[in-house]
Amino acid sequence: MAKKEVITIRVEEQEKKYLLQKAAENGFNSLSEYMLFVAKNANITVMIERKI
């Protein structure tokens, strides 16, 4: 299925350069492919502290 949705994120110029570099280093043809790979393969645990 063709992808047609667009997501915009705000980053600093230095962050964008870093992401583009990491994408290229890991063999991705686009930043979109790299970001999708990272998101789908992230193993993140979020801890929430409740204040009573």
C-alpha atoms as a PDB file:
ATOM      1  CA  MET A   1       0.000   0.000   0.000  1.00  0.00           C
ATOM      2  CA  ALA A   2       1.339   3.437  -0.899  1.00  0.00           C
ATOM      3  CA  LYS A   3       2.042   5.712   2.014  1.00  0.00           C
ATOM      4  CA  LYS A   4       0.309   9.049   1.855  1.00  0.00           C
ATOM      5  CA  GLU A   5       0.274  10.394   5.419  1.00  0.00           C
ATOM      6  CA  VAL A   6       2.820  12.987   6.504  1.00  0.00           C
ATOM      7  CA  ILE A   7       4.131  13.619  10.016  1.00  0.00           C
ATOM      8  CA  THR A   8       6.084  16.741  10.862  1.00  0.00           C
ATOM      9  CA  ILE A   9       8.530  16.920  13.740  1.00  0.00           C
ATOM     10  CA  ARG A  10      10.498  19.928  14.888  1.00  0.00           C
ATOM     11  CA  VAL A  11      14.220  19.501  15.420  1.00  0.00           C
ATOM     12  CA  GLU A  12      17.231  21.739  15.626  1.00  0.00           C
ATOM     13  CA  GLU A  13      19.532  21.881  12.593  1.00  0.00           C
ATOM     14  CA  GLN A  14      22.193  19.872  14.427  1.00  0.00           C
ATOM     15  CA  GLU A  15      19.660  17.158  15.358  1.00  0.00           C
ATOM     16  CA  LYS A  16      18.531  16.877  11.735  1.00  0.00           C
ATOM     17  CA  LYS A  17      22.122  16.485  10.542  1.00  0.00           C
ATOM     18  CA  TYR A  18      22.687  13.782  13.163  1.00  0.00           C
ATOM     19  CA  LEU A  19      19.562  11.856  12.133  1.00  0.00           C
ATOM     20  CA  LEU A  20      20.441  12.061   8.446  1.00  0.00           C
ATOM     21  CA  GLN A  21      23.957  10.837   9.218  1.00  0.00           C
ATOM     22  CA  LYS A  22      22.664   7.896  11.280  1.00  0.00           C
ATOM     23  CA  ALA A  23      20.207   6.974   8.530  1.00  0.00           C
ATOM     24  CA  ALA A  24      22.970   6.934   5.904  1.00  0.00           C
ATOM     25  CA  GLU A  25      25.366   5.014   8.180  1.00  0.00           C
ATOM     26  CA  ASN A  26      22.746   2.324   8.646  1.00  0.00           C
ATOM     27  CA  GLY A  27      21.940   1.999   4.941  1.00  0.00           C
ATOM     28  CA  PHE A  28      18.550   3.709   4.844  1.00  0.00           C
ATOM     29  CA  ASN A  29      17.570   5.548   1.677  1.00  0.00           C
ATOM     30  CA  SER A  30      15.566   8.177   3.525  1.00  0.00           C
ATOM     31  CA  LEU A  31      15.088   9.678   6.932  1.00  0.00           C
ATOM     32  CA  SER A  32      11.504   8.409   6.872  1.00  0.00           C
ATOM     33  CA  GLU A  33      12.636   4.801   6.487  1.00  0.00           C
ATOM     34  CA  TYR A  34      15.148   5.218   9.303  1.00  0.00           C
ATOM     35  CA  MET A  35      12.667   6.839  11.701  1.00  0.00           C
ATOM     36  CA  LEU A  36      10.078   4.125  11.039  1.00  0.00           C
ATOM     37  CA  PHE A  37      12.697   1.434  11.673  1.00  0.00           C
ATOM     38  CA  VAL A  38      13.779   3.073  14.926  1.00  0.00           C
ATOM     39  CA  ALA A  39      10.201   3.505  16.157  1.00  0.00           C
ATOM     40  CA  LYS A  40       9.185  -0.056  15.278  1.00  0.00           C
ATOM     41  CA  ASN A  41      12.260  -1.534  16.948  1.00  0.00           C
ATOM     42  CA  ALA A  42      12.427   0.671  20.036  1.00  0.00           C
ATOM     43  CA  ASN A  43      12.347  -1.121  23.357  1.00  0.00           C
ATOM     44  CA  ILE A  44      11.369   1.663  25.726  1.00  0.00           C
ATOM     45  CA  THR A  45      10.143   1.376  29.279  1.00  0.00           C
ATOM     46  CA  VAL A  46       8.338   4.388  30.669  1.00  0.00           C
ATOM     47  CA  MET A  47       8.156   4.881  34.403  1.00  0.00           C
ATOM     48  CA  ILE A  48       5.471   7.203  35.728  1.00  0.00           C
ATOM     49  CA  GLU A  49       5.633   8.412  39.305  1.00  0.00           C
ATOM     50  CA  ARG A  50       2.298   9.324  40.784  1.00  0.00           C
ATOM     51  CA  LYS A  51       2.112  12.154  43.271  1.00  0.00           C
ATOM     52  CA  ILE A  52      -0.382  11.528  46.043  1.00  0.00           C
END
